[in-house]
């Protein structure tokens, strides 16, 4: 397949340009904004595609251009995107986090250009999907109810139209079957035309498998954002508290890494345990990869995930994921084969999963190897990029 794609490129795309439109992209002042899109762009470049990026966001009132890691990037307002599309004939437009302004500019200047839209998450969800983020205060509830009318309603109208319209030449990419059928199409009340399921990339060279020692099943790692309740960090804390009642607890070792407004409050109950370390810090990809080598279990319960990329990265490194049997997680973790899945909202079950691995080294070794192998087959850069290039070059 790879050679076929490369031959297609040689024959058809030597002089073609492709434009990625998104809402954020890395800059020297913001190195990690939508870094997963940058990884795609670099992979496309490595395959010979001429790719440019336009960042459309209201924060950029003045048009500017810059180069980041060999990628030409422009950013500005809808009028600047219109000018860009009018001045250059692109072979295809590739959109991440689609918005009405993006579509308006395309309709006015490049309606005949084929478009691929990646559907990631919040841009295709109803307002109530993240209920867990606005139950803690009246202000949070008021804010989301305001956004219900100012953002969510109009955005879902846009998605409904995009999924069905014949005015544009559209294809859609969803990162999981569950998200496509149970969120994106359900909330927009329409089936997405010309849709493919392609997960986000996991860099298996960086998150490379190294065989785990049996003792590493005693070492549990959590690397999560603490900006919302989506990642169920409270359940991880409660699981540790449950394990603290069990006789082998002192033989376990836990490390929690992350940043966000909920960090201090969520992890406060764990501060007095000698075998629990708390690290309030952002980690880059290389630092995460190094931590993966030290630990054996990746504790990552969730309340809502369209894929769970950080979990998949840990699996690629050979950590055994312990997550929740909910949303898209079972598409990437097969219970008792490539990881362990606890019942949703059940910290005791999470604790029981850690206990299973504590007393069963052969299960730990099996799950570790299977986790890495399964993610390599589903999410490695070669697999994902080849699937995306099939769409882009078709």
Protein backbone atom coordinates (compact mmCIF):
# COMPACT_ATOMS: atom_id res chain seq x y z
CA UNK A 1 0.00 0.00 0.00
CA UNK A 2 2.81 2.40 0.90
CA UNK A 3 4.49 2.01 -2.51
CA UNK A 4 1.15 2.48 -4.28
CA UNK A 5 0.59 5.75 -2.45
CA UNK A 6 4.09 6.95 -3.21
CA UNK A 7 3.63 6.14 -6.91
CA UNK A 8 0.32 8.03 -6.94
CA UNK A 9 2.08 11.01 -5.47
CA UNK A 10 4.87 10.88 -8.01
CA UNK A 11 2.38 10.78 -10.87
CA UNK A 12 -0.30 13.18 -9.68
CA UNK A 13 0.88 15.54 -6.98
CA UNK A 14 4.25 17.01 -7.82
CA UNK A 15 2.78 20.47 -8.37
CA UNK A 16 -0.26 20.25 -6.12
CA UNK A 17 -0.77 22.16 -2.90
CA UNK A 18 -2.87 21.17 0.09
CA UNK A 19 -4.19 23.53 2.73
CA UNK A 20 -4.91 22.51 6.31
CA UNK A 21 -7.33 24.82 8.10
CA UNK A 22 -7.50 24.59 11.87
CA UNK A 23 -8.20 26.66 14.98
CA UNK A 24 -4.71 26.41 16.50
CA UNK A 25 -1.19 25.34 15.49
CA UNK A 26 2.22 25.31 17.17
CA UNK A 27 4.14 28.58 17.30
CA UNK A 28 7.38 29.44 19.06
CA UNK A 29 5.26 31.02 21.81
CA UNK A 30 2.74 28.14 21.90
CA UNK A 31 4.66 24.97 21.17
CA UNK A 32 1.94 22.43 21.98
CA UNK A 33 -1.19 23.87 20.35
CA UNK A 34 -2.72 21.05 18.28
CA UNK A 35 0.60 19.27 18.12
CA UNK A 36 -1.16 16.17 16.78
CA UNK A 37 -2.00 18.11 13.62
CA UNK A 38 1.63 19.16 13.23
CA UNK A 39 2.70 15.52 13.42
CA UNK A 40 0.34 14.78 10.55
CA UNK A 41 1.73 17.66 8.49
CA UNK A 42 5.31 16.49 8.97
CA UNK A 43 4.31 12.97 7.94
CA UNK A 44 2.58 14.32 4.82
CA UNK A 45 5.70 16.32 3.99
CA UNK A 46 7.83 13.20 4.40
CA UNK A 47 5.60 11.51 1.81
CA UNK A 48 6.19 14.41 -0.61
CA UNK A 49 3.01 16.46 -0.17
CA UNK A 50 3.20 20.26 -0.39
CA UNK A 51 1.19 21.26 2.70
CA UNK A 52 0.44 24.70 4.13
CA UNK A 53 -1.51 25.61 7.25
CA UNK A 54 -4.02 28.38 7.94
CA UNK A 55 -5.05 29.08 11.54
CA UNK A 56 -8.46 30.75 11.73
CA UNK A 57 -9.19 32.24 15.14
CA UNK A 58 -10.62 35.50 16.43
CA UNK A 59 -7.53 36.03 18.59
CA UNK A 60 -5.50 36.82 15.46
CA UNK A 61 -6.87 40.20 14.41
CA UNK A 62 -3.86 40.91 12.22
CA UNK A 63 -2.82 38.55 9.44
CA UNK A 64 0.64 37.06 9.89
CA UNK A 65 2.80 34.33 8.41
CA UNK A 66 5.53 32.28 10.03
CA UNK A 67 7.46 29.05 9.57
CA UNK A 68 7.35 26.37 12.25
CA UNK A 69 9.57 23.31 11.90
CA UNK A 70 9.61 23.61 8.12
CA UNK A 71 5.86 24.26 7.79
CA UNK A 72 4.50 27.50 6.32
CA UNK A 73 1.73 28.79 8.58
CA UNK A 74 -0.65 31.73 8.13
CA UNK A 75 -3.10 32.93 10.73
CA UNK A 76 -5.81 35.54 10.80
CA UNK A 77 -9.54 36.14 10.39
CA UNK A 78 -12.16 34.90 7.94
CA UNK A 79 -11.31 37.67 5.48
CA UNK A 80 -7.67 36.54 5.50
CA UNK A 81 -8.69 32.95 4.83
CA UNK A 82 -10.87 34.15 1.95
CA UNK A 83 -7.88 36.00 0.49
CA UNK A 84 -5.63 32.95 0.89
CA UNK A 85 -8.12 30.65 -0.85
CA UNK A 86 -8.67 33.20 -3.63
CA UNK A 87 -4.96 33.66 -4.34
CA UNK A 88 -3.91 29.98 -4.42
CA UNK A 89 -5.54 26.99 -6.12
CA UNK A 90 -5.37 24.08 -3.69
CA UNK A 91 -5.91 20.45 -4.67
CA UNK A 92 -7.76 19.73 -1.43
CA UNK A 93 -8.66 21.48 1.78
CA UNK A 94 -8.15 19.52 5.00
CA UNK A 95 -10.06 20.83 8.03
CA UNK A 96 -9.59 20.12 11.74
CA UNK A 97 -12.18 21.58 14.15
CA UNK A 98 -14.51 22.92 11.48
CA UNK A 99 -16.32 26.22 12.09
CA UNK A 100 -18.91 28.35 10.31
CA UNK A 101 -16.28 30.96 9.39
CA UNK A 102 -14.16 28.31 7.69
CA UNK A 103 -17.09 27.10 5.63
CA UNK A 104 -18.22 30.65 4.79
CA UNK A 105 -14.78 31.51 3.39
CA UNK A 106 -14.69 28.29 1.36
CA UNK A 107 -18.19 28.82 -0.03
CA UNK A 108 -17.21 32.32 -1.16
CA UNK A 109 -13.83 31.51 -2.69
CA UNK A 110 -13.19 27.77 -3.21
CA UNK A 111 -16.52 25.97 -3.40
CA UNK A 112 -15.27 23.59 -6.08
CA UNK A 113 -12.26 22.34 -4.07
CA UNK A 114 -12.68 18.88 -2.46
CA UNK A 115 -12.66 18.97 1.35
CA UNK A 116 -11.85 16.44 4.06
CA UNK A 117 -13.13 17.26 7.55
CA UNK A 118 -11.68 15.53 10.63
CA UNK A 119 -14.26 15.36 13.42
CA UNK A 120 -12.47 15.31 16.77
CA UNK A 121 -14.83 16.08 19.63
CA UNK A 122 -16.23 19.27 21.09
CA UNK A 123 -17.07 20.77 17.68
CA UNK A 124 -19.58 17.95 17.10
CA UNK A 125 -21.08 17.43 20.57
CA UNK A 126 -24.32 18.59 22.16
CA UNK A 127 -23.96 20.93 25.13
CA UNK A 128 -24.91 18.31 27.71
CA UNK A 129 -22.24 15.74 26.74
CA UNK A 130 -19.75 17.19 29.24
CA UNK A 131 -22.26 17.44 32.07
CA UNK A 132 -19.57 16.55 34.59
CA UNK A 133 -17.79 19.88 34.00
CA UNK A 134 -20.59 22.14 35.16
CA UNK A 135 -22.15 20.42 38.13
CA UNK A 136 -19.83 21.87 40.76
CA UNK A 137 -21.10 25.47 40.82
CA UNK A 138 -23.91 27.74 39.68
CA UNK A 139 -21.44 29.81 37.67
CA UNK A 140 -20.30 26.77 35.69
CA UNK A 141 -23.89 25.83 34.95
CA UNK A 142 -24.76 29.39 33.92
CA UNK A 143 -21.76 29.53 31.59
CA UNK A 144 -22.61 26.30 29.81
CA UNK A 145 -26.24 27.29 29.42
CA UNK A 146 -25.10 30.54 27.80
CA UNK A 147 -22.85 28.56 25.46
CA UNK A 148 -25.78 26.27 24.68
CA UNK A 149 -27.39 29.14 22.77
CA UNK A 150 -24.30 31.03 21.63
CA UNK A 151 -22.16 28.12 20.39
CA UNK A 152 -23.58 24.62 20.59
CA UNK A 153 -26.89 25.17 18.82
CA UNK A 154 -25.31 26.93 15.83
CA UNK A 155 -22.40 24.50 15.64
CA UNK A 156 -24.70 21.47 15.51
CA UNK A 157 -26.79 23.15 12.82
CA UNK A 158 -23.56 23.53 10.85
CA UNK A 159 -22.65 19.86 11.36
CA UNK A 160 -26.16 18.77 10.32
CA UNK A 161 -25.82 20.76 7.11
CA UNK A 162 -22.29 19.56 6.38
CA UNK A 163 -23.21 15.90 6.82
CA UNK A 164 -25.95 16.19 4.22
CA UNK A 165 -25.10 19.00 1.79
CA UNK A 166 -24.36 18.46 -1.89
CA UNK A 167 -23.10 22.02 -2.35
CA UNK A 168 -19.59 20.99 -1.32
CA UNK A 169 -17.47 17.95 -2.18
CA UNK A 170 -17.01 16.55 1.33
CA UNK A 171 -15.46 13.58 3.06
CA UNK A 172 -15.37 13.00 6.81
CA UNK A 173 -12.89 11.30 9.12
CA UNK A 174 -13.98 10.15 12.59
CA UNK A 175 -11.43 8.83 15.07
CA UNK A 176 -13.69 6.05 16.34
CA UNK A 177 -16.85 4.22 15.33
CA UNK A 178 -18.43 4.94 18.70
CA UNK A 179 -17.90 8.68 18.39
CA UNK A 180 -19.25 8.75 14.85
CA UNK A 181 -22.45 6.87 15.62
CA UNK A 182 -23.19 7.80 19.23
CA UNK A 183 -22.07 11.43 19.40
CA UNK A 184 -21.28 13.13 16.08
CA UNK A 185 -24.22 11.83 14.05
CA UNK A 186 -26.59 11.49 16.99
CA UNK A 187 -26.15 15.08 18.15
CA UNK A 188 -26.28 16.53 14.64
CA UNK A 189 -29.27 14.32 13.78
CA UNK A 190 -27.77 13.34 10.44
CA UNK A 191 -25.52 10.62 9.04
CA UNK A 192 -22.16 11.87 7.79
CA UNK A 193 -21.65 11.25 4.07
CA UNK A 194 -18.47 9.69 2.71
CA UNK A 195 -17.22 8.87 6.20
CA UNK A 196 -14.11 6.94 7.26
CA UNK A 197 -12.89 5.75 10.66
CA UNK A 198 -9.20 6.60 11.16
CA UNK A 199 -7.75 7.06 14.67
CA UNK A 200 -5.24 9.68 15.70
CA UNK A 201 -1.57 8.80 15.27
CA UNK A 202 0.53 7.22 17.98
CA UNK A 203 4.26 7.66 17.39
CA UNK A 204 5.46 4.10 17.94
CA UNK A 205 9.08 5.14 17.36
CA UNK A 206 8.92 7.54 20.30
CA UNK A 207 6.57 5.38 22.37
CA UNK A 208 8.45 2.22 21.58
CA UNK A 209 7.87 -1.10 23.29
CA UNK A 210 10.36 -2.29 25.84
CA UNK A 211 9.66 -5.54 27.65
CA UNK A 212 8.53 -4.91 31.21
CA UNK A 213 9.96 -6.66 34.24
CA UNK A 214 7.51 -8.43 36.52
CA UNK A 215 8.19 -5.91 39.28
CA UNK A 216 6.96 -3.05 37.11
CA UNK A 217 3.40 -4.25 37.66
CA UNK A 218 3.74 -2.67 41.11
CA UNK A 219 4.41 0.77 39.57
CA UNK A 220 1.31 2.74 38.51
CA UNK A 221 1.48 5.91 36.41
CA UNK A 222 -1.15 8.57 35.75
CA UNK A 223 -0.50 11.41 33.29
CA UNK A 224 -3.68 13.42 32.82
CA UNK A 225 -4.99 16.98 32.40
CA UNK A 226 -6.72 18.44 35.43
CA UNK A 227 -8.73 21.09 33.59
CA UNK A 228 -12.02 19.21 33.69
CA UNK A 229 -13.74 16.19 35.20
CA UNK A 230 -13.68 14.39 31.86
CA UNK A 231 -10.57 12.42 32.75
CA UNK A 232 -12.06 11.00 35.98
CA UNK A 233 -8.97 11.73 38.05
CA UNK A 234 -11.21 11.64 41.11
CA UNK A 235 -11.84 7.97 40.39
CA UNK A 236 -8.09 7.30 40.29
CA UNK A 237 -7.73 8.96 43.69
CA UNK A 238 -10.58 6.92 45.13
CA UNK A 239 -9.02 3.74 43.71
CA UNK A 240 -5.76 4.50 45.56
CA UNK A 241 -7.71 5.19 48.75
CA UNK A 242 -9.44 1.83 48.34
CA UNK A 243 -6.11 0.07 47.81
CA UNK A 244 -4.70 1.74 50.92
CA UNK A 245 -7.04 -0.49 52.94
CA UNK A 246 -5.49 -3.64 51.50
CA UNK A 247 -2.49 -5.43 53.06
CA UNK A 248 -0.14 -5.19 50.05
CA UNK A 249 -0.63 -1.44 49.50
CA UNK A 250 2.87 -0.48 50.66
CA UNK A 251 4.38 -2.59 47.88
CA UNK A 252 2.68 -0.45 45.26
CA UNK A 253 4.05 2.83 43.90
CA UNK A 254 1.93 5.58 42.32
CA UNK A 255 2.95 8.69 40.37
CA UNK A 256 0.47 11.37 39.30
CA UNK A 257 1.51 13.96 36.71
CA UNK A 258 -0.60 16.79 35.34
CA UNK A 259 -1.70 20.40 35.36
CA UNK A 260 -4.97 22.26 35.66
CA UNK A 261 -7.29 24.08 38.03
CA UNK A 262 -8.46 20.81 39.63
CA UNK A 263 -5.00 19.41 40.40
CA UNK A 264 -4.61 20.47 44.03
CA UNK A 265 -8.16 19.74 45.14
CA UNK A 266 -8.42 16.39 43.38
CA UNK A 267 -5.13 14.98 44.67
CA UNK A 268 -5.29 16.42 48.18
CA UNK A 269 -6.42 13.09 49.76
CA UNK A 270 -3.22 11.39 48.53
CA UNK A 271 -0.66 13.84 49.88
CA UNK A 272 0.17 11.88 53.04
CA UNK A 273 0.98 8.56 51.38
CA UNK A 274 4.71 7.85 51.16
CA UNK A 275 4.27 5.62 48.11
CA UNK A 276 2.38 8.29 46.12
CA UNK A 277 4.21 11.13 44.38
CA UNK A 278 2.43 14.15 42.90
CA UNK A 279 3.96 16.23 40.11
CA UNK A 280 2.18 19.39 39.02
CA UNK A 281 3.87 19.90 35.67
CA UNK A 282 3.33 19.75 31.96
CA UNK A 283 5.35 17.04 30.22
CA UNK A 284 6.53 17.06 26.64
CA UNK A 285 6.38 13.95 24.50
CA UNK A 286 9.98 12.93 25.15
CA UNK A 287 9.52 13.24 28.92
CA UNK A 288 6.37 11.13 28.75
CA UNK A 289 8.19 8.46 26.76
CA UNK A 290 10.93 8.28 29.40
CA UNK A 291 8.38 7.92 32.20
CA UNK A 292 6.69 5.11 30.30
CA UNK A 293 9.91 3.12 30.56
CA UNK A 294 9.84 3.27 34.38
CA UNK A 295 6.27 2.11 35.02
CA UNK A 296 4.13 -0.91 34.22
CA UNK A 297 0.50 0.21 34.63
CA UNK A 298 -1.21 3.26 33.15
CA UNK A 299 -4.21 4.28 35.24
CA UNK A 300 -6.60 6.23 33.00
CA UNK A 301 -10.30 6.04 33.85
CA UNK A 302 -12.50 8.38 31.83
CA UNK A 303 -15.99 9.74 31.44
CA UNK A 304 -15.78 10.69 27.77
CA UNK A 305 -13.18 9.79 25.16
CA UNK A 306 -13.40 9.60 21.40
CA UNK A 307 -10.10 7.66 21.42
CA UNK A 308 -7.85 8.27 24.43
CA UNK A 309 -4.57 9.20 22.74
CA UNK A 310 -2.45 9.37 25.92
CA UNK A 311 -3.72 5.91 26.83
CA UNK A 312 -2.80 4.60 23.36
CA UNK A 313 0.68 6.11 23.67
CA UNK A 314 1.18 4.33 26.98
CA UNK A 315 -0.02 1.08 25.46
CA UNK A 316 2.43 1.50 22.60
CA UNK A 317 5.20 1.73 25.21
CA UNK A 318 4.01 -1.51 26.79
CA UNK A 319 2.17 -0.18 29.82
CA UNK A 320 -0.98 -2.06 30.74
CA UNK A 321 -3.93 0.35 30.59
CA UNK A 322 -6.57 0.28 33.29
CA UNK A 323 -9.43 2.38 32.00
CA UNK A 324 -13.23 2.52 31.93
CA UNK A 325 -15.55 0.35 29.87
CA UNK A 326 -17.21 3.39 28.35
CA UNK A 327 -17.46 5.51 25.18
CA UNK A 328 -14.75 4.67 22.58
CA UNK A 329 -12.27 3.03 24.96
CA UNK A 330 -13.27 -0.59 24.09
CA UNK A 331 -12.34 0.08 20.45
CA UNK A 332 -8.74 0.52 21.59
CA UNK A 333 -8.54 -1.75 24.66
CA UNK A 334 -9.81 -5.31 24.58
CA UNK A 335 -10.55 -6.37 28.15
CA UNK A 336 -8.29 -9.20 29.35
CA UNK A 337 -6.33 -9.09 26.07
CA UNK A 338 -4.68 -5.67 25.72
CA UNK A 339 -5.70 -4.09 29.02
CA UNK A 340 -8.29 -4.08 31.77
CA UNK A 341 -11.58 -2.17 31.73
CA UNK A 342 -13.44 -1.28 34.89
CA UNK A 343 -17.11 -0.54 35.23
CA UNK A 344 -17.85 3.18 34.71
CA UNK A 345 -17.84 5.35 37.82
CA UNK A 346 -16.50 2.45 39.90
CA UNK A 347 -13.20 3.19 41.72
CA UNK A 348 -13.38 -0.09 43.63
CA UNK A 349 -13.39 -1.96 40.33
CA UNK A 350 -10.34 0.06 39.25
CA UNK A 351 -8.62 -0.99 42.48
CA UNK A 352 -9.57 -4.61 41.84
CA UNK A 353 -7.95 -4.42 38.38
CA UNK A 354 -4.69 -3.22 39.91
CA UNK A 355 -4.96 -6.04 42.44
CA UNK A 356 -5.41 -8.61 39.64
CA UNK A 357 -2.11 -7.53 38.10
CA UNK A 358 -0.40 -7.45 41.49
CA UNK A 359 -1.12 -11.15 42.00
CA UNK A 360 -0.74 -12.29 38.39
CA UNK A 361 2.59 -11.53 36.73
CA UNK A 362 1.85 -13.71 33.69
CA UNK A 363 -1.33 -11.74 32.98
CA UNK A 364 0.64 -8.51 33.31
CA UNK A 365 3.27 -9.70 30.83
CA UNK A 366 0.66 -10.87 28.34
CA UNK A 367 -1.35 -7.66 28.47
CA UNK A 368 1.78 -5.51 28.17
CA UNK A 369 2.92 -7.14 24.92
CA UNK A 370 -0.59 -7.32 23.46
CA UNK A 371 -1.23 -3.66 24.30
CA UNK A 372 1.79 -2.55 22.29
CA UNK A 373 1.12 -4.89 19.36
CA UNK A 374 -2.54 -3.88 19.08
CA UNK A 375 -1.81 -0.14 19.05
CA UNK A 376 0.92 -0.64 16.45
CA UNK A 377 -1.65 -2.27 14.16
CA UNK A 378 -4.36 0.36 14.76
CA UNK A 379 -2.64 3.68 15.37
CA UNK A 380 0.99 3.66 14.22
CA UNK A 381 2.02 6.56 12.02
CA UNK A 382 2.54 4.33 8.99
CA UNK A 383 -0.94 2.80 9.29
CA UNK A 384 -2.77 6.07 9.96
CA UNK A 385 -0.90 8.21 7.44
CA UNK A 386 -1.33 5.66 4.67
CA UNK A 387 -5.08 5.58 5.31
CA UNK A 388 -5.27 9.36 5.31
CA UNK A 389 -3.19 9.65 2.16
CA UNK A 390 -5.55 7.26 0.41
CA UNK A 391 -8.29 9.81 1.05
CA UNK A 392 -6.19 12.86 0.27
CA UNK A 393 -4.88 11.48 -3.03
CA UNK A 394 -8.15 9.94 -4.22
